[in-house]
Amino acid sequence: MFNLSDKVAIVTGGANGIGAEIVKEFLNEGVKYVAILDINDEAGKGLEKELAIKYGEGKVKFFNCDVTKDEQLFGIFDEVMKEFGGIDVVVNNAGIARDTLELYKKEIEINFTATVSSTLKAVELMRVDKGGKGGTVINISSVAGIMQLSPSVFVYGATKSAVLHFSTCVGKEAYYRHTNVRVITMCFGLTDTEIVTNMNSFDDIVNEGIKQLVGLHHQQKILQSSNIAARGVVQAYNTGSSGSTWLVDNSKIIDITENVDDSYKVMSKKTVLSEILS
């Protein structure tokens, strides 16, 4: 069992939605400090002010940060390291679902490339074999990353599948035993957030399908709250092993690591590499 008491945390995409709820849940769990990274200046500063009143000055700080810009992202990591002497938890939550021809490349940068950059930076700073004290990285995937949804937001699903694969591999015991940095993946089902409301595609057929899917979830009242998603992150932090995968869907929190591992074993069963490694 782990606990968040007195920990130093960074949450990307933390100004609103699931990210903001993660920040709040972390503060409720007794963290020492949370850095909120987001490009939404108004929402970020507003959240910082709100939480400072509730939890006290110095517990939370907002940084205007484009996570696709390494100099901005890494600069904040280094600033937090300098002030607190270490970082214990990084949650890579920043993401968009914009499969339009104008934005899909940016979507890949935010959802996957920036998650990789942030994870590698966190591991570099935390790893015990390079003088760090260990820590935890939690990367946000999606049910779209574990399902072959069509017609749907194809690029978004691909980025989230990539996040899942990257995170589980970095988190595997064979690597974790050197770094002592847990890497955990969260897969959220449809959640009542702006990312769902603003989800769109390059194709009108897909947009109509998205509209119907979200409408059905609203109608059946199974669109889960951001707070449930955030509580899933806390549960995964407290009890999850490195390389584990967690599903938060229809307001239920489930460790699906065994299912994910079994799926990869089935897909790789006939490969030569699988035979060599078995």
Protein backbone atom coordinates (compact mmCIF):
# COMPACT_ATOMS: atom_id res chain seq x y z
CA MET A 1 0.00 0.00 0.00
CA PHE A 2 1.11 3.52 -0.86
CA ASN A 3 -0.31 6.81 0.35
CA LEU A 4 -0.22 10.39 -0.89
CA SER A 5 0.44 12.02 2.47
CA ASP A 6 3.21 14.64 2.28
CA LYS A 7 3.94 13.89 -1.39
CA VAL A 8 4.94 16.40 -4.09
CA ALA A 9 2.85 16.03 -7.25
CA ILE A 10 2.56 17.39 -10.78
CA VAL A 11 -0.71 17.12 -12.73
CA THR A 12 -0.84 18.10 -16.41
CA GLY A 13 -4.15 19.24 -17.86
CA GLY A 14 -5.06 20.05 -14.27
CA ALA A 15 -7.07 23.26 -14.60
CA ASN A 16 -10.49 21.70 -15.14
CA GLY A 17 -12.36 18.45 -15.71
CA ILE A 18 -10.73 15.23 -14.52
CA GLY A 19 -7.39 16.96 -13.95
CA ALA A 20 -8.88 19.48 -11.52
CA GLU A 21 -10.65 16.69 -9.66
CA ILE A 22 -7.38 14.76 -9.40
CA VAL A 23 -5.73 17.83 -7.88
CA LYS A 24 -8.56 18.16 -5.34
CA GLU A 25 -8.47 14.47 -4.43
CA PHE A 26 -4.70 14.62 -3.96
CA LEU A 27 -5.10 17.57 -1.60
CA ASN A 28 -7.81 15.70 0.29
CA GLU A 29 -5.34 12.83 0.65
CA GLY A 30 -2.79 15.12 2.30
CA VAL A 31 -0.19 15.88 -0.38
CA LYS A 32 2.40 18.49 0.50
CA TYR A 33 2.15 20.32 -2.84
CA VAL A 34 0.55 20.04 -6.27
CA ALA A 35 1.76 21.80 -9.42
CA ILE A 36 -1.12 22.34 -11.87
CA LEU A 37 0.01 22.50 -15.51
CA ASP A 38 -2.41 23.74 -18.17
CA ILE A 39 -2.75 26.22 -21.03
CA ASN A 40 -6.08 27.52 -19.68
CA ASP A 41 -4.78 30.50 -17.74
CA GLU A 42 -8.13 31.72 -16.42
CA ALA A 43 -9.28 28.31 -15.18
CA GLY A 44 -5.86 27.48 -13.73
CA LYS A 45 -5.49 30.70 -11.77
CA GLY A 46 -9.09 30.43 -10.58
CA LEU A 47 -8.52 26.88 -9.34
CA GLU A 48 -5.27 27.87 -7.61
CA LYS A 49 -7.06 30.68 -5.77
CA GLU A 50 -9.99 28.45 -4.79
CA LEU A 51 -7.75 25.68 -3.46
CA ALA A 52 -5.39 28.06 -1.66
CA ILE A 53 -8.36 29.36 0.33
CA LYS A 54 -9.50 25.84 1.21
CA TYR A 55 -6.17 24.09 1.80
CA GLY A 56 -3.77 26.94 2.55
CA GLU A 57 -1.21 29.03 0.68
CA GLY A 58 1.72 27.13 -0.75
CA LYS A 59 -0.14 23.84 -1.23
CA VAL A 60 -0.90 24.40 -4.89
CA LYS A 61 0.53 26.46 -7.74
CA PHE A 62 -0.67 26.95 -11.32
CA PHE A 63 1.80 27.01 -14.20
CA ASN A 64 0.74 28.07 -17.68
CA CYS A 65 2.34 25.30 -19.70
CA ASP A 66 2.03 23.88 -23.19
CA VAL A 67 3.04 20.27 -22.55
CA THR A 68 4.20 19.89 -26.16
CA LYS A 69 6.97 22.42 -25.49
CA ASP A 70 9.75 20.54 -23.70
CA GLU A 71 11.47 23.70 -22.48
CA GLN A 72 8.30 24.78 -20.67
CA LEU A 73 7.47 21.33 -19.31
CA PHE A 74 10.98 20.44 -18.18
CA GLY A 75 11.52 23.91 -16.73
CA ILE A 76 8.59 23.36 -14.36
CA PHE A 77 9.88 19.92 -13.37
CA ASP A 78 13.25 21.48 -12.55
CA GLU A 79 11.62 24.34 -10.60
CA VAL A 80 9.60 21.93 -8.46
CA MET A 81 12.70 19.77 -7.92
CA LYS A 82 14.70 22.82 -6.81
CA GLU A 83 12.02 23.98 -4.36
CA PHE A 84 11.11 20.63 -2.82
CA GLY A 85 14.14 18.45 -3.46
CA GLY A 86 12.14 15.84 -5.33
CA ILE A 87 8.95 14.90 -7.15
CA ASP A 88 6.92 11.93 -5.94
CA VAL A 89 3.97 11.73 -8.35
CA VAL A 90 3.37 12.83 -11.94
CA VAL A 91 -0.05 12.47 -13.56
CA ASN A 92 -0.03 12.95 -17.34
CA ASN A 93 -3.65 13.92 -17.90
CA ALA A 94 -3.45 16.60 -20.63
CA GLY A 95 -5.36 15.56 -23.73
CA ILE A 96 -7.76 16.49 -26.51
CA ALA A 97 -10.11 14.53 -28.78
CA ARG A 98 -9.96 16.52 -32.00
CA ASP A 99 -9.61 14.20 -34.99
CA THR A 100 -10.01 17.04 -37.50
CA LEU A 101 -7.56 17.43 -40.38
CA GLU A 102 -6.40 20.70 -38.82
CA LEU A 103 -5.79 19.34 -35.31
CA TYR A 104 -5.00 15.62 -35.45
CA LYS A 105 -1.22 16.17 -35.47
CA LYS A 106 -1.52 18.44 -32.42
CA GLU A 107 -3.69 15.76 -30.84
CA ILE A 108 -0.90 13.20 -31.27
CA GLU A 109 1.62 15.66 -29.80
CA ILE A 110 -0.49 16.37 -26.72
CA ASN A 111 -1.92 12.92 -26.05
CA PHE A 112 1.09 10.76 -26.78
CA THR A 113 4.34 12.61 -27.48
CA ALA A 114 4.01 14.92 -24.47
CA THR A 115 3.07 11.97 -22.26
CA VAL A 116 6.24 10.19 -23.34
CA SER A 117 8.37 13.30 -22.77
CA SER A 118 6.89 13.90 -19.31
CA THR A 119 7.23 10.24 -18.32
CA LEU A 120 10.87 10.05 -19.40
CA LYS A 121 11.68 13.29 -17.57
CA ALA A 122 9.94 12.02 -14.42
CA VAL A 123 11.76 8.68 -14.56
CA GLU A 124 15.09 10.47 -15.06
CA LEU A 125 14.53 12.60 -11.94
CA MET A 126 13.01 9.87 -9.75
CA ARG A 127 14.98 6.72 -10.54
CA VAL A 128 16.92 5.25 -7.61
CA ASP A 129 19.72 3.87 -9.79
CA LYS A 130 20.59 7.47 -10.75
CA GLY A 131 20.34 8.96 -7.26
CA GLY A 132 16.58 9.56 -7.06
CA LYS A 133 14.19 8.30 -4.42
CA GLY A 134 11.68 6.51 -6.66
CA GLY A 135 8.15 7.65 -7.39
CA THR A 136 5.02 7.10 -9.44
CA VAL A 137 3.90 8.16 -12.92
CA ILE A 138 0.22 7.77 -13.78
CA ASN A 139 -0.65 8.07 -17.47
CA ILE A 140 -4.18 8.62 -18.70
CA SER A 141 -5.39 6.36 -21.49
CA SER A 142 -9.04 5.63 -22.33
CA VAL A 143 -11.51 2.88 -23.14
CA ALA A 144 -10.87 4.05 -26.71
CA GLY A 145 -7.35 2.67 -26.27
CA ILE A 146 -8.54 -0.85 -25.45
CA MET A 147 -11.45 -1.12 -27.91
CA GLN A 148 -11.59 -1.13 -31.72
CA LEU A 149 -14.32 1.48 -31.99
CA SER A 150 -15.59 2.34 -35.48
CA PRO A 151 -16.81 4.73 -36.63
CA SER A 152 -15.21 6.77 -33.89
CA VAL A 153 -12.36 9.16 -33.13
CA PHE A 154 -9.73 6.97 -34.76
CA VAL A 155 -6.68 9.13 -34.06
CA TYR A 156 -7.70 9.74 -30.45
CA GLY A 157 -8.10 5.99 -29.93
CA ALA A 158 -4.69 5.36 -31.50
CA THR A 159 -2.99 7.86 -29.19
CA LYS A 160 -4.60 6.28 -26.14
CA SER A 161 -3.63 2.79 -27.28
CA ALA A 162 -0.07 4.06 -27.68
CA VAL A 163 -0.15 5.52 -24.16
CA LEU A 164 -1.29 2.16 -22.79
CA HIS A 165 1.43 0.19 -24.59
CA PHE A 166 4.21 2.62 -23.70
CA SER A 167 3.18 2.87 -20.04
CA THR A 168 2.77 -0.85 -19.42
CA CYS A 169 6.16 -1.60 -20.98
CA VAL A 170 7.99 1.12 -19.01
CA GLY A 171 6.22 -0.09 -15.89
CA LYS A 172 7.09 -3.78 -16.24
CA GLU A 173 9.03 -5.40 -13.39
CA ALA A 174 12.10 -5.99 -15.59
CA TYR A 175 12.59 -2.20 -15.82
CA TYR A 176 10.92 -1.15 -12.55
CA ARG A 177 13.42 -3.10 -10.44
CA HIS A 178 16.16 -0.75 -11.70
CA THR A 179 14.27 2.53 -11.35
CA ASN A 180 11.78 2.01 -8.50
CA VAL A 181 9.46 4.30 -10.47
CA ARG A 182 5.97 2.84 -10.78
CA VAL A 183 4.21 3.54 -14.07
CA ILE A 184 0.44 2.99 -13.97
CA THR A 185 -2.16 3.42 -16.71
CA MET A 186 -5.74 4.64 -16.27
CA CYS A 187 -8.42 3.91 -18.88
CA PHE A 188 -11.48 6.12 -18.43
CA GLY A 189 -14.88 5.40 -19.92
CA LEU A 190 -17.08 8.24 -21.14
CA THR A 191 -16.86 10.94 -18.50
CA ASP A 192 -18.80 14.19 -18.17
CA THR A 193 -16.03 16.53 -19.34
CA GLU A 194 -15.30 19.13 -22.02
CA ILE A 195 -13.16 16.63 -23.93
CA VAL A 196 -16.28 14.52 -24.53
CA THR A 197 -18.46 17.54 -25.31
CA ASN A 198 -15.89 18.91 -27.80
CA MET A 199 -15.01 15.56 -29.40
CA ASN A 200 -15.03 15.80 -33.18
CA SER A 201 -13.62 14.25 -36.34
CA PHE A 202 -12.59 14.88 -39.93
CA ASP A 203 -15.66 12.88 -41.03
CA ASP A 204 -19.35 13.76 -40.64
CA ILE A 205 -20.24 10.05 -40.35
CA VAL A 206 -18.00 9.82 -37.30
CA ASN A 207 -19.37 13.06 -35.83
CA GLU A 208 -22.90 11.71 -36.07
CA GLY A 209 -21.81 8.47 -34.39
CA ILE A 210 -20.15 10.42 -31.56
CA LYS A 211 -23.27 12.51 -31.08
CA GLN A 212 -25.45 9.40 -30.82
CA LEU A 213 -23.04 7.63 -28.45
CA VAL A 214 -22.76 10.57 -26.05
CA GLY A 215 -26.51 11.14 -26.26
CA LEU A 216 -27.17 7.50 -25.38
CA HIS A 217 -24.89 7.76 -22.34
CA HIS A 218 -26.73 10.90 -21.21
CA GLN A 219 -30.11 9.26 -21.78
CA GLN A 220 -29.19 6.16 -19.79
CA LYS A 221 -27.41 8.30 -17.18
CA ILE A 222 -24.18 6.31 -17.41
CA LEU A 223 -21.88 9.24 -18.19
CA GLN A 224 -19.63 9.08 -15.13
CA SER A 225 -18.45 12.09 -13.13
CA SER A 226 -14.91 13.50 -13.17
CA ASN A 227 -14.74 12.91 -9.44
CA ILE A 228 -15.21 9.15 -9.91
CA ALA A 229 -12.36 9.16 -12.43
CA ALA A 230 -10.16 11.07 -9.98
CA ARG A 231 -10.97 8.67 -7.17
CA GLY A 232 -9.89 5.87 -9.49
CA VAL A 233 -6.50 7.57 -9.84
CA VAL A 234 -6.13 7.73 -6.06
CA GLN A 235 -7.08 4.05 -5.70
CA ALA A 236 -4.62 3.05 -8.41
CA TYR A 237 -1.90 5.09 -6.70
CA ASN A 238 -2.62 3.54 -3.32
CA THR A 239 -2.82 -0.09 -4.44
CA GLY A 240 -1.56 -0.47 -8.01
CA SER A 241 1.61 -2.29 -8.97
CA SER A 242 3.98 -0.90 -11.58
CA GLY A 243 2.79 -1.76 -15.08
CA SER A 244 -0.80 -2.14 -13.91
CA THR A 245 -3.80 -0.93 -15.90
CA TRP A 246 -6.98 0.40 -14.31
CA LEU A 247 -10.42 0.85 -15.85
CA VAL A 248 -12.84 3.47 -14.53
CA ASP A 249 -16.08 2.95 -16.45
CA ASN A 250 -19.76 3.36 -15.57
CA SER A 251 -18.58 4.64 -12.15
CA LYS A 252 -16.76 1.38 -11.35
CA ILE A 253 -13.02 1.17 -10.60
CA ILE A 254 -11.38 -2.10 -11.71
CA ASP A 255 -7.80 -3.35 -11.98
CA ILE A 256 -7.73 -4.89 -15.49
CA THR A 257 -4.00 -5.67 -15.60
CA GLU A 258 -4.56 -9.40 -16.01
CA ASN A 259 -6.97 -8.82 -18.92
CA VAL A 260 -4.53 -6.50 -20.68
CA ASP A 261 -1.58 -8.86 -20.17
CA ASP A 262 -3.61 -11.83 -21.42
CA SER A 263 -4.67 -9.87 -24.52
CA TYR A 264 -1.06 -9.10 -25.43
CA LYS A 265 -0.10 -12.74 -24.87
CA VAL A 266 -2.84 -13.85 -27.28
CA MET A 267 -1.81 -11.31 -29.93
CA SER A 268 1.88 -12.21 -29.70
CA LYS A 269 1.43 -15.96 -29.31
CA LYS A 270 2.65 -16.93 -32.78
CA THR A 271 5.64 -14.57 -32.94
CA VAL A 272 9.20 -15.87 -32.91
CA LEU A 273 10.14 -13.27 -30.27
CA SER A 274 7.43 -14.60 -27.98
CA GLU A 275 8.90 -18.10 -28.27
CA ILE A 276 12.41 -16.84 -27.51
CA LEU A 277 11.28 -14.90 -24.43
CA SER A 278 9.03 -17.62 -23.00
